[in-house]
Amino acid sequence: MSNDSIAQAVKVLEGLSAGLDEAYWEASTIERKDFFYDIISAVNSELSEIGKLSVLDHDLVYEPITVEFRAARTKLSKLRKVLDEFVVRSATASRLESLINDAVSLPLR
């Protein structure tokens, strides 16, 4: 399985979704919860569309499918810069930083 395969993207996006969900519940303000929810919705939308593909296609090169996820990549980059401010628990922040780096490194095509 290559690093930019659909199967790898699913693994990265599922991890990101779980990490963002954790950060959502730790967020202390409505504005931050909204920020996380927007990204979570985009990631879930992308995973939903990938789920429609055949399992036989999972070794193909990943390309973002939804417009929402393409737009959310900008927010992910912003979140990476303000992670310590937005995420209270250091374990969550550390985990999320790694997950965001993996997600941002997915192919753009």
PDB file of N, CA and C in Angstrom:
ATOM      1  N   MET A   1       0.859  -1.177   0.000  1.00  0.00           N
ATOM      2  CA  MET A   1       0.000   0.000   0.000  1.00  0.00           C
ATOM      3  C   MET A   1       0.902   1.236   0.000  1.00  0.00           C
ATOM      4  N   SER A   2       0.714   2.077  -0.994  1.00  0.00           N
ATOM      5  CA  SER A   2       1.551   3.275  -1.084  1.00  0.00           C
ATOM      6  C   SER A   2       1.069   4.340  -0.102  1.00  0.00           C
ATOM      7  N   ASN A   3       1.927   5.317   0.124  1.00  0.00           N
ATOM      8  CA  ASN A   3       1.628   6.381   1.077  1.00  0.00           C
ATOM      9  C   ASN A   3       0.497   7.287   0.618  1.00  0.00           C
ATOM     10  N   ASP A   4       0.250   7.351  -0.687  1.00  0.00           N
ATOM     11  CA  ASP A   4      -0.800   8.233  -1.183  1.00  0.00           C
ATOM     12  C   ASP A   4      -1.983   7.454  -1.769  1.00  0.00           C
ATOM     13  N   SER A   5      -2.155   6.214  -1.316  1.00  0.00           N
ATOM     14  CA  SER A   5      -3.266   5.394  -1.800  1.00  0.00           C
ATOM     15  C   SER A   5      -4.569   5.797  -1.096  1.00  0.00           C
ATOM     16  N   ILE A   6      -5.664   5.365  -1.669  1.00  0.00           N
ATOM     17  CA  ILE A   6      -6.971   5.626  -1.074  1.00  0.00           C
ATOM     18  C   ILE A   6      -7.066   4.946   0.291  1.00  0.00           C
ATOM     19  N   ALA A   7      -6.531   3.737   0.391  1.00  0.00           N
ATOM     20  CA  ALA A   7      -6.565   3.014   1.670  1.00  0.00           C
ATOM     21  C   ALA A   7      -5.817   3.785   2.752  1.00  0.00           C
ATOM     22  N   GLN A   8      -4.674   4.346   2.408  1.00  0.00           N
ATOM     23  CA  GLN A   8      -3.906   5.138   3.375  1.00  0.00           C
ATOM     24  C   GLN A   8      -4.660   6.416   3.745  1.00  0.00           C
ATOM     25  N   ALA A   9      -5.302   7.035   2.752  1.00  0.00           N
ATOM     26  CA  ALA A   9      -6.082   8.249   3.010  1.00  0.00           C
ATOM     27  C   ALA A   9      -7.227   7.957   3.980  1.00  0.00           C
ATOM     28  N   VAL A  10      -7.879   6.826   3.809  1.00  0.00           N
ATOM     29  CA  VAL A  10      -8.969   6.441   4.717  1.00  0.00           C
ATOM     30  C   VAL A  10      -8.435   6.322   6.139  1.00  0.00           C
ATOM     31  N   LYS A  11      -7.311   5.676   6.275  1.00  0.00           N
ATOM     32  CA  LYS A  11      -6.696   5.505   7.598  1.00  0.00           C
ATOM     33  C   LYS A  11      -6.377   6.871   8.225  1.00  0.00           C
ATOM     34  N   VAL A  12      -5.797   7.765   7.449  1.00  0.00           N
ATOM     35  CA  VAL A  12      -5.443   9.103   7.929  1.00  0.00           C
ATOM     36  C   VAL A  12      -6.706   9.885   8.297  1.00  0.00           C
ATOM     37  N   LEU A  13      -7.706   9.861   7.423  1.00  0.00           N
ATOM     38  CA  LEU A  13      -8.926  10.633   7.660  1.00  0.00           C
ATOM     39  C   LEU A  13      -9.727  10.106   8.849  1.00  0.00           C
ATOM     40  N   GLU A  14      -9.754   8.790   9.031  1.00  0.00           N
ATOM     41  CA  GLU A  14     -10.452   8.227  10.192  1.00  0.00           C
ATOM     42  C   GLU A  14      -9.762   8.637  11.489  1.00  0.00           C
ATOM     43  N   GLY A  15      -8.433   8.615  11.487  1.00  0.00           N
ATOM     44  CA  GLY A  15      -7.690   9.063  12.659  1.00  0.00           C
ATOM     45  C   GLY A  15      -7.925  10.537  12.937  1.00  0.00           C
ATOM     46  N   LEU A  16      -7.911  11.337  11.876  1.00  0.00           N
ATOM     47  CA  LEU A  16      -8.153  12.771  12.007  1.00  0.00           C
ATOM     48  C   LEU A  16      -9.552  13.038  12.557  1.00  0.00           C
ATOM     49  N   SER A  17     -10.519  12.313  12.065  1.00  0.00           N
ATOM     50  CA  SER A  17     -11.892  12.481  12.536  1.00  0.00           C
ATOM     51  C   SER A  17     -11.986  12.199  14.036  1.00  0.00           C
ATOM     52  N   ALA A  18     -11.352  11.133  14.492  1.00  0.00           N
ATOM     53  CA  ALA A  18     -11.370  10.788  15.918  1.00  0.00           C
ATOM     54  C   ALA A  18     -10.655  11.861  16.745  1.00  0.00           C
ATOM     55  N   GLY A  19      -9.520  12.337  16.266  1.00  0.00           N
ATOM     56  CA  GLY A  19      -8.775  13.372  16.979  1.00  0.00           C
ATOM     57  C   GLY A  19      -9.543  14.678  17.058  1.00  0.00           C
ATOM     58  N   LEU A  20     -10.176  15.057  15.955  1.00  0.00           N
ATOM     59  CA  LEU A  20     -10.968  16.294  15.942  1.00  0.00           C
ATOM     60  C   LEU A  20     -12.185  16.181  16.850  1.00  0.00           C
ATOM     61  N   ASP A  21     -12.779  14.988  16.899  1.00  0.00           N
ATOM     62  CA  ASP A  21     -13.930  14.768  17.773  1.00  0.00           C
ATOM     63  C   ASP A  21     -13.529  14.948  19.234  1.00  0.00           C
ATOM     64  N   GLU A  22     -12.368  14.425  19.581  1.00  0.00           N
ATOM     65  CA  GLU A  22     -11.862  14.587  20.946  1.00  0.00           C
ATOM     66  C   GLU A  22     -11.638  16.068  21.264  1.00  0.00           C
ATOM     67  N   ALA A  23     -11.021  16.778  20.326  1.00  0.00           N
ATOM     68  CA  ALA A  23     -10.760  18.208  20.520  1.00  0.00           C
ATOM     69  C   ALA A  23     -12.069  18.994  20.606  1.00  0.00           C
ATOM     70  N   TYR A  24     -13.077  18.581  19.836  1.00  0.00           N
ATOM     71  CA  TYR A  24     -14.390  19.240  19.873  1.00  0.00           C
ATOM     72  C   TYR A  24     -14.957  19.202  21.289  1.00  0.00           C
ATOM     73  N   TRP A  25     -14.911  18.030  21.916  1.00  0.00           N
ATOM     74  CA  TRP A  25     -15.498  17.892  23.248  1.00  0.00           C
ATOM     75  C   TRP A  25     -14.674  18.598  24.320  1.00  0.00           C
ATOM     76  N   GLU A  26     -13.397  18.836  24.037  1.00  0.00           N
ATOM     77  CA  GLU A  26     -12.552  19.562  24.982  1.00  0.00           C
ATOM     78  C   GLU A  26     -12.642  21.080  24.793  1.00  0.00           C
ATOM     79  N   ALA A  27     -13.169  21.527  23.664  1.00  0.00           N
ATOM     80  CA  ALA A  27     -13.238  22.971  23.368  1.00  0.00           C
ATOM     81  C   ALA A  27     -14.103  23.680  24.399  1.00  0.00           C
ATOM     82  N   SER A  28     -13.661  24.867  24.781  1.00  0.00           N
ATOM     83  CA  SER A  28     -14.340  25.582  25.863  1.00  0.00           C
ATOM     84  C   SER A  28     -15.315  26.659  25.393  1.00  0.00           C
ATOM     85  N   THR A  29     -15.285  27.003  24.106  1.00  0.00           N
ATOM     86  CA  THR A  29     -16.204  28.040  23.618  1.00  0.00           C
ATOM     87  C   THR A  29     -16.997  27.522  22.420  1.00  0.00           C
ATOM     88  N   ILE A  30     -18.128  28.143  22.191  1.00  0.00           N
ATOM     89  CA  ILE A  30     -18.977  27.786  21.057  1.00  0.00           C
ATOM     90  C   ILE A  30     -18.237  28.039  19.737  1.00  0.00           C
ATOM     91  N   GLU A  31     -17.489  29.118  19.666  1.00  0.00           N
ATOM     92  CA  GLU A  31     -16.754  29.453  18.437  1.00  0.00           C
ATOM     93  C   GLU A  31     -15.746  28.362  18.090  1.00  0.00           C
ATOM     94  N   ARG A  32     -15.045  27.851  19.093  1.00  0.00           N
ATOM     95  CA  ARG A  32     -14.078  26.777  18.839  1.00  0.00           C
ATOM     96  C   ARG A  32     -14.780  25.482  18.478  1.00  0.00           C
ATOM     97  N   LYS A  33     -15.883  25.195  19.146  1.00  0.00           N
ATOM     98  CA  LYS A  33     -16.661  24.002  18.798  1.00  0.00           C
ATOM     99  C   LYS A  33     -17.138  24.092  17.341  1.00  0.00           C
ATOM    100  N   ASP A  34     -17.608  25.277  16.933  1.00  0.00           N
ATOM    101  CA  ASP A  34     -18.034  25.478  15.545  1.00  0.00           C
ATOM    102  C   ASP A  34     -16.882  25.267  14.574  1.00  0.00           C
ATOM    103  N   PHE A  35     -15.708  25.760  14.929  1.00  0.00           N
ATOM    104  CA  PHE A  35     -14.514  25.609  14.103  1.00  0.00           C
ATOM    105  C   PHE A  35     -14.200  24.122  13.899  1.00  0.00           C
ATOM    106  N   PHE A  36     -14.177  23.359  15.013  1.00  0.00           N
ATOM    107  CA  PHE A  36     -13.899  21.924  14.923  1.00  0.00           C
ATOM    108  C   PHE A  36     -15.007  21.195  14.169  1.00  0.00           C
ATOM    109  N   TYR A  37     -16.259  21.564  14.449  1.00  0.00           N
ATOM    110  CA  TYR A  37     -17.383  20.886  13.803  1.00  0.00           C
ATOM    111  C   TYR A  37     -17.338  21.051  12.288  1.00  0.00           C
ATOM    112  N   ASP A  38     -16.966  22.216  11.819  1.00  0.00           N
ATOM    113  CA  ASP A  38     -16.866  22.472  10.385  1.00  0.00           C
ATOM    114  C   ASP A  38     -15.857  21.514   9.727  1.00  0.00           C
ATOM    115  N   ILE A  39     -14.719  21.358  10.360  1.00  0.00           N
ATOM    116  CA  ILE A  39     -13.696  20.458   9.812  1.00  0.00           C
ATOM    117  C   ILE A  39     -14.145  19.002   9.918  1.00  0.00           C
ATOM    118  N   ILE A  40     -14.742  18.636  11.055  1.00  0.00           N
ATOM    119  CA  ILE A  40     -15.239  17.267  11.242  1.00  0.00           C
ATOM    120  C   ILE A  40     -16.265  16.923  10.160  1.00  0.00           C
ATOM    121  N   SER A  41     -17.168  17.845   9.870  1.00  0.00           N
ATOM    122  CA  SER A  41     -18.185  17.612   8.835  1.00  0.00           C
ATOM    123  C   SER A  41     -17.545  17.385   7.468  1.00  0.00           C
ATOM    124  N   ALA A  42     -16.518  18.164   7.153  1.00  0.00           N
ATOM    125  CA  ALA A  42     -15.829  18.026   5.869  1.00  0.00           C
ATOM    126  C   ALA A  42     -15.109  16.680   5.777  1.00  0.00           C
ATOM    127  N   VAL A  43     -14.460  16.278   6.857  1.00  0.00           N
ATOM    128  CA  VAL A  43     -13.748  14.995   6.875  1.00  0.00           C
ATOM    129  C   VAL A  43     -14.748  13.844   6.744  1.00  0.00           C
ATOM    130  N   ASN A  44     -15.858  13.926   7.475  1.00  0.00           N
ATOM    131  CA  ASN A  44     -16.871  12.867   7.391  1.00  0.00           C
ATOM    132  C   ASN A  44     -17.505  12.803   6.006  1.00  0.00           C
ATOM    133  N   SER A  45     -17.693  13.938   5.381  1.00  0.00           N
ATOM    134  CA  SER A  45     -18.228  13.976   4.023  1.00  0.00           C
ATOM    135  C   SER A  45     -17.261  13.286   3.051  1.00  0.00           C
ATOM    136  N   GLU A  46     -15.976  13.563   3.207  1.00  0.00           N
ATOM    137  CA  GLU A  46     -14.957  12.940   2.364  1.00  0.00           C
ATOM    138  C   GLU A  46     -14.940  11.423   2.585  1.00  0.00           C
ATOM    139  N   LEU A  47     -14.981  10.999   3.837  1.00  0.00           N
ATOM    140  CA  LEU A  47     -14.993   9.564   4.146  1.00  0.00           C
ATOM    141  C   LEU A  47     -16.248   8.883   3.575  1.00  0.00           C
ATOM    142  N   SER A  48     -17.358   9.587   3.623  1.00  0.00           N
ATOM    143  CA  SER A  48     -18.602   9.042   3.068  1.00  0.00           C
ATOM    144  C   SER A  48     -18.479   8.806   1.564  1.00  0.00           C
ATOM    145  N   GLU A  49     -17.889   9.760   0.867  1.00  0.00           N
ATOM    146  CA  GLU A  49     -17.708   9.614  -0.580  1.00  0.00           C
ATOM    147  C   GLU A  49     -16.699   8.508  -0.906  1.00  0.00           C
ATOM    148  N   ILE A  50     -15.632   8.422  -0.133  1.00  0.00           N
ATOM    149  CA  ILE A  50     -14.642   7.357  -0.349  1.00  0.00           C
ATOM    150  C   ILE A  50     -15.287   6.000  -0.102  1.00  0.00           C
ATOM    151  N   GLY A  51     -16.201   5.944   0.858  1.00  0.00           N
ATOM    152  CA  GLY A  51     -16.895   4.697   1.169  1.00  0.00           C
ATOM    153  C   GLY A  51     -17.722   4.162   0.017  1.00  0.00           C
ATOM    154  N   LYS A  52     -18.047   5.004  -0.933  1.00  0.00           N
ATOM    155  CA  LYS A  52     -18.826   4.585  -2.095  1.00  0.00           C
ATOM    156  C   LYS A  52     -17.966   3.893  -3.153  1.00  0.00           C
ATOM    157  N   LEU A  53     -16.632   4.007  -2.994  1.00  0.00           N
ATOM    158  CA  LEU A  53     -15.733   3.377  -3.963  1.00  0.00           C
ATOM    159  C   LEU A  53     -15.612   1.882  -3.696  1.00  0.00           C
ATOM    160  N   SER A  54     -15.271   1.158  -4.721  1.00  0.00           N
ATOM    161  CA  SER A  54     -15.041  -0.273  -4.585  1.00  0.00           C
ATOM    162  C   SER A  54     -13.773  -0.514  -3.777  1.00  0.00           C
ATOM    163  N   VAL A  55     -13.765  -1.570  -3.002  1.00  0.00           N
ATOM    164  CA  VAL A  55     -12.572  -1.941  -2.236  1.00  0.00           C
ATOM    165  C   VAL A  55     -11.409  -2.209  -3.186  1.00  0.00           C
ATOM    166  N   LEU A  56     -11.703  -2.635  -4.384  1.00  0.00           N
ATOM    167  CA  LEU A  56     -10.662  -2.902  -5.376  1.00  0.00           C
ATOM    168  C   LEU A  56      -9.932  -1.629  -5.800  1.00  0.00           C
ATOM    169  N   ASP A  57     -10.551  -0.485  -5.587  1.00  0.00           N
ATOM    170  CA  ASP A  57      -9.947   0.799  -5.963  1.00  0.00           C
ATOM    171  C   ASP A  57      -9.039   1.374  -4.880  1.00  0.00           C
ATOM    172  N   HIS A  58      -8.992   0.755  -3.726  1.00  0.00           N
ATOM    173  CA  HIS A  58      -8.278   1.330  -2.593  1.00  0.00           C
ATOM    174  C   HIS A  58      -6.761   1.364  -2.742  1.00  0.00           C
ATOM    175  N   ASP A  59      -6.238   0.726  -3.760  1.00  0.00           N
ATOM    176  CA  ASP A  59      -4.792   0.813  -3.990  1.00  0.00           C
ATOM    177  C   ASP A  59      -4.449   1.917  -4.996  1.00  0.00           C
ATOM    178  N   LEU A  60      -5.463   2.577  -5.535  1.00  0.00           N
ATOM    179  CA  LEU A  60      -5.244   3.690  -6.467  1.00  0.00           C
ATOM    180  C   LEU A  60      -4.796   4.934  -5.705  1.00  0.00           C
ATOM    181  N   VAL A  61      -4.241   5.889  -6.425  1.00  0.00           N
ATOM    182  CA  VAL A  61      -3.790   7.143  -5.822  1.00  0.00           C
ATOM    183  C   VAL A  61      -5.004   7.952  -5.354  1.00  0.00           C
ATOM    184  N   TYR A  62      -4.908   8.460  -4.133  1.00  0.00           N
ATOM    185  CA  TYR A  62      -5.988   9.249  -3.542  1.00  0.00           C
ATOM    186  C   TYR A  62      -6.029  10.648  -4.139  1.00  0.00           C
ATOM    187  N   GLU A  63      -7.230  11.106  -4.409  1.00  0.00           N
ATOM    188  CA  GLU A  63      -7.493  12.492  -4.797  1.00  0.00           C
ATOM    189  C   GLU A  63      -8.695  12.957  -3.991  1.00  0.00           C
ATOM    190  N   PRO A  64      -8.628  14.139  -3.387  1.00  0.00           N
ATOM    191  CA  PRO A  64      -9.785  14.628  -2.632  1.00  0.00           C
ATOM    192  C   PRO A  64     -11.030  14.663  -3.524  1.00  0.00           C
ATOM    193  N   ILE A  65     -12.150  14.254  -2.964  1.00  0.00           N
ATOM    194  CA  ILE A  65     -13.376  14.144  -3.736  1.00  0.00           C
ATOM    195  C   ILE A  65     -14.282  15.355  -3.515  1.00  0.00           C
ATOM    196  N   THR A  66     -14.487  15.720  -2.262  1.00  0.00           N
ATOM    197  CA  THR A  66     -15.467  16.765  -1.953  1.00  0.00           C
ATOM    198  C   THR A  66     -14.835  18.155  -1.907  1.00  0.00           C
ATOM    199  N   VAL A  67     -15.635  19.119  -2.284  1.00  0.00           N
ATOM    200  CA  VAL A  67     -15.220  20.525  -2.223  1.00  0.00           C
ATOM    201  C   VAL A  67     -15.013  20.934  -0.765  1.00  0.00           C
ATOM    202  N   GLU A  68     -15.856  20.397   0.117  1.00  0.00           N
ATOM    203  CA  GLU A  68     -15.763  20.740   1.533  1.00  0.00           C
ATOM    204  C   GLU A  68     -14.404  20.355   2.116  1.00  0.00           C
ATOM    205  N   PHE A  69     -13.927  19.166   1.754  1.00  0.00           N
ATOM    206  CA  PHE A  69     -12.640  18.746   2.307  1.00  0.00           C
ATOM    207  C   PHE A  69     -11.495  19.563   1.726  1.00  0.00           C
ATOM    208  N   ARG A  70     -11.593  19.898   0.458  1.00  0.00           N
ATOM    209  CA  ARG A  70     -10.552  20.751  -0.136  1.00  0.00           C
ATOM    210  C   ARG A  70     -10.481  22.087   0.604  1.00  0.00           C
ATOM    211  N   ALA A  71     -11.639  22.652   0.932  1.00  0.00           N
ATOM    212  CA  ALA A  71     -11.685  23.922   1.651  1.00  0.00           C
ATOM    213  C   ALA A  71     -11.222  23.764   3.103  1.00  0.00           C
ATOM    214  N   ALA A  72     -11.516  22.622   3.700  1.00  0.00           N
ATOM    215  CA  ALA A  72     -11.153  22.392   5.101  1.00  0.00           C
ATOM    216  C   ALA A  72      -9.648  22.268   5.289  1.00  0.00           C
ATOM    217  N   ARG A  73      -8.920  21.945   4.231  1.00  0.00           N
ATOM    218  CA  ARG A  73      -7.461  21.840   4.354  1.00  0.00           C
ATOM    219  C   ARG A  73      -6.847  23.177   4.779  1.00  0.00           C
ATOM    220  N   THR A  74      -7.453  24.283   4.358  1.00  0.00           N
ATOM    221  CA  THR A  74      -6.997  25.607   4.776  1.00  0.00           C
ATOM    222  C   THR A  74      -7.196  25.778   6.277  1.00  0.00           C
ATOM    223  N   LYS A  75      -8.349  25.339   6.761  1.00  0.00           N
ATOM    224  CA  LYS A  75      -8.618  25.429   8.195  1.00  0.00           C
ATOM    225  C   LYS A  75      -7.684  24.518   8.988  1.00  0.00           C
ATOM    226  N   LEU A  76      -7.352  23.368   8.417  1.00  0.00           N
ATOM    227  CA  LEU A  76      -6.414  22.469   9.089  1.00  0.00           C
ATOM    228  C   LEU A  76      -5.044  23.130   9.240  1.00  0.00           C
ATOM    229  N   SER A  77      -4.623  23.825   8.209  1.00  0.00           N
ATOM    230  CA  SER A  77      -3.341  24.541   8.278  1.00  0.00           C
ATOM    231  C   SER A  77      -3.394  25.638   9.336  1.00  0.00           C
ATOM    232  N   LYS A  78      -4.528  26.335   9.408  1.00  0.00           N
ATOM    233  CA  LYS A  78      -4.698  27.382  10.428  1.00  0.00           C
ATOM    234  C   LYS A  78      -4.689  26.754  11.817  1.00  0.00           C
ATOM    235  N   LEU A  79      -5.386  25.635  11.971  1.00  0.00           N
ATOM    236  CA  LEU A  79      -5.464  24.961  13.263  1.00  0.00           C
ATOM    237  C   LEU A  79      -4.085  24.514  13.732  1.00  0.00           C
ATOM    238  N   ARG A  80      -3.287  24.050  12.808  1.00  0.00           N
ATOM    239  CA  ARG A  80      -1.932  23.604  13.155  1.00  0.00           C
ATOM    240  C   ARG A  80      -1.145  24.753  13.800  1.00  0.00           C
ATOM    241  N   LYS A  81      -1.376  25.980  13.351  1.00  0.00           N
ATOM    242  CA  LYS A  81      -0.650  27.142  13.874  1.00  0.00           C
ATOM    243  C   LYS A  81      -1.145  27.580  15.253  1.00  0.00           C
ATOM    244  N   VAL A  82      -2.423  27.346  15.546  1.00  0.00           N
ATOM    245  CA  VAL A  82      -3.004  27.801  16.816  1.00  0.00           C
ATOM    246  C   VAL A  82      -3.428  26.632  17.711  1.00  0.00           C
ATOM    247  N   LEU A  83      -2.824  25.502  17.495  1.00  0.00           N
ATOM    248  CA  LEU A  83      -3.217  24.278  18.193  1.00  0.00           C
ATOM    249  C   LEU A  83      -3.148  24.418  19.712  1.00  0.00           C
ATOM    250  N   ASP A  84      -2.060  24.987  20.227  1.00  0.00           N
ATOM    251  CA  ASP A  84      -1.906  25.119  21.678  1.00  0.00           C
ATOM    252  C   ASP A  84      -2.964  26.034  22.292  1.00  0.00           C
ATOM    253  N   GLU A  85      -3.447  26.967  21.511  1.00  0.00           N
ATOM    254  CA  GLU A  85      -4.482  27.888  21.987  1.00  0.00           C
ATOM    255  C   GLU A  85      -5.874  27.232  21.928  1.00  0.00           C
ATOM    256  N   PHE A  86      -6.123  26.423  20.900  1.00  0.00           N
ATOM    257  CA  PHE A  86      -7.443  25.833  20.686  1.00  0.00           C
ATOM    258  C   PHE A  86      -7.665  24.527  21.450  1.00  0.00           C
ATOM    259  N   VAL A  87      -6.584  23.796  21.733  1.00  0.00           N
ATOM    260  CA  VAL A  87      -6.715  22.492  22.382  1.00  0.00           C
ATOM    261  C   VAL A  87      -6.054  22.564  23.747  1.00  0.00           C
ATOM    262  N   VAL A  88      -6.827  22.296  24.787  1.00  0.00           N
ATOM    263  CA  VAL A  88      -6.366  22.472  26.156  1.00  0.00           C
ATOM    264  C   VAL A  88      -5.413  21.361  26.605  1.00  0.00           C
ATOM    265  N   ARG A  89      -5.768  20.125  26.364  1.00  0.00           N
ATOM    266  CA  ARG A  89      -4.954  18.997  26.837  1.00  0.00           C
ATOM    267  C   ARG A  89      -3.761  18.774  25.924  1.00  0.00           C
ATOM    268  N   SER A  90      -2.601  18.663  26.524  1.00  0.00           N
ATOM    269  CA  SER A  90      -1.374  18.516  25.730  1.00  0.00           C
ATOM    270  C   SER A  90      -1.336  17.189  24.966  1.00  0.00           C
ATOM    271  N   ALA A  91      -1.884  16.133  25.539  1.00  0.00           N
ATOM    272  CA  ALA A  91      -1.901  14.838  24.839  1.00  0.00           C
ATOM    273  C   ALA A  91      -2.760  14.924  23.578  1.00  0.00           C
ATOM    274  N   THR A  92      -3.892  15.585  23.689  1.00  0.00           N
ATOM    275  CA  THR A  92      -4.775  15.757  22.532  1.00  0.00           C
ATOM    276  C   THR A  92      -4.102  16.640  21.488  1.00  0.00           C
ATOM    277  N   ALA A  93      -3.466  17.711  21.934  1.00  0.00           N
ATOM    278  CA  ALA A  93      -2.789  18.628  21.007  1.00  0.00           C
ATOM    279  C   ALA A  93      -1.667  17.920  20.262  1.00  0.00           C
ATOM    280  N   SER A  94      -0.903  17.119  20.972  1.00  0.00           N
ATOM    281  CA  SER A  94       0.206  16.392  20.352  1.00  0.00           C
ATOM    282  C   SER A  94      -0.305  15.390  19.322  1.00  0.00           C
ATOM    283  N   ARG A  95      -1.323  14.643  19.708  1.00  0.00           N
ATOM    284  CA  ARG A  95      -1.915  13.657  18.792  1.00  0.00           C
ATOM    285  C   ARG A  95      -2.508  14.348  17.567  1.00  0.00           C
ATOM    286  N   LEU A  96      -3.228  15.429  17.797  1.00  0.00           N
ATOM    287  CA  LEU A  96      -3.881  16.151  16.708  1.00  0.00           C
ATOM    288  C   LEU A  96      -2.860  16.781  15.766  1.00  0.00           C
ATOM    289  N   GLU A  97      -1.754  17.260  16.303  1.00  0.00           N
ATOM    290  CA  GLU A  97      -0.711  17.834  15.453  1.00  0.00           C
ATOM    291  C   GLU A  97      -0.185  16.799  14.460  1.00  0.00           C
ATOM    292  N   SER A  98       0.051  15.599  14.950  1.00  0.00           N
ATOM    293  CA  SER A  98       0.520  14.518  14.080  1.00  0.00           C
ATOM    294  C   SER A  98      -0.531  14.159  13.032  1.00  0.00           C
ATOM    295  N   LEU A  99      -1.787  14.075  13.452  1.00  0.00           N
ATOM    296  CA  LEU A  99      -2.878  13.735  12.533  1.00  0.00           C
ATOM    297  C   LEU A  99      -3.076  14.807  11.468  1.00  0.00           C
ATOM    298  N   ILE A 100      -2.977  16.067  11.864  1.00  0.00           N
ATOM    299  CA  ILE A 100      -3.125  17.174  10.912  1.00  0.00           C
ATOM    300  C   ILE A 100      -1.990  17.141   9.897  1.00  0.00           C
ATOM    301  N   ASN A 101      -0.776  16.913  10.365  1.00  0.00           N
ATOM    302  CA  ASN A 101       0.366  16.826   9.445  1.00  0.00           C
ATOM    303  C   ASN A 101       0.154  15.724   8.415  1.00  0.00           C
ATOM    304  N   ASP A 102      -0.356  14.576   8.867  1.00  0.00           N
ATOM    305  CA  ASP A 102      -0.634  13.474   7.937  1.00  0.00           C
ATOM    306  C   ASP A 102      -1.707  13.862   6.926  1.00  0.00           C
ATOM    307  N   ALA A 103      -2.760  14.534   7.401  1.00  0.00           N
ATOM    308  CA  ALA A 103      -3.875  14.913   6.518  1.00  0.00           C
ATOM    309  C   ALA A 103      -3.452  15.968   5.506  1.00  0.00           C
ATOM    310  N   VAL A 104      -2.668  16.947   5.944  1.00  0.00           N
ATOM    311  CA  VAL A 104      -2.249  18.014   5.052  1.00  0.00           C
ATOM    312  C   VAL A 104      -1.277  17.484   3.993  1.00  0.00           C
ATOM    313  N   SER A 105      -0.571  16.408   4.323  1.00  0.00           N
ATOM    314  CA  SER A 105       0.373  15.838   3.374  1.00  0.00           C
ATOM    315  C   SER A 105      -0.278  14.917   2.334  1.00  0.00           C
ATOM    316  N   LEU A 106      -1.583  14.674   2.458  1.00  0.00           N
ATOM    317  CA  LEU A 106      -2.284  13.893   1.440  1.00  0.00           C
ATOM    318  C   LEU A 106      -2.241  14.638   0.110  1.00  0.00           C
ATOM    319  N   PRO A 107      -2.243  13.910  -1.008  1.00  0.00           N
ATOM    320  CA  PRO A 107      -2.184  14.567  -2.329  1.00  0.00           C
ATOM    321  C   PRO A 107      -3.351  15.536  -2.539  1.00  0.00           C
ATOM    322  N   LEU A 108      -3.090  16.616  -3.269  1.00  0.00           N
ATOM    323  CA  LEU A 108      -4.114  17.617  -3.587  1.00  0.00           C
ATOM    324  C   LEU A 108      -4.839  17.340  -4.901  1.00  0.00           C
ATOM    325  N   ARG A 109      -4.139  16.820  -5.841  1.00  0.00           N
ATOM    326  CA  ARG A 109      -4.614  16.613  -7.215  1.00  0.00           C
ATOM    327  C   ARG A 109      -6.006  17.019  -7.368  1.00  0.00           C
TER     328      ARG A 109
END
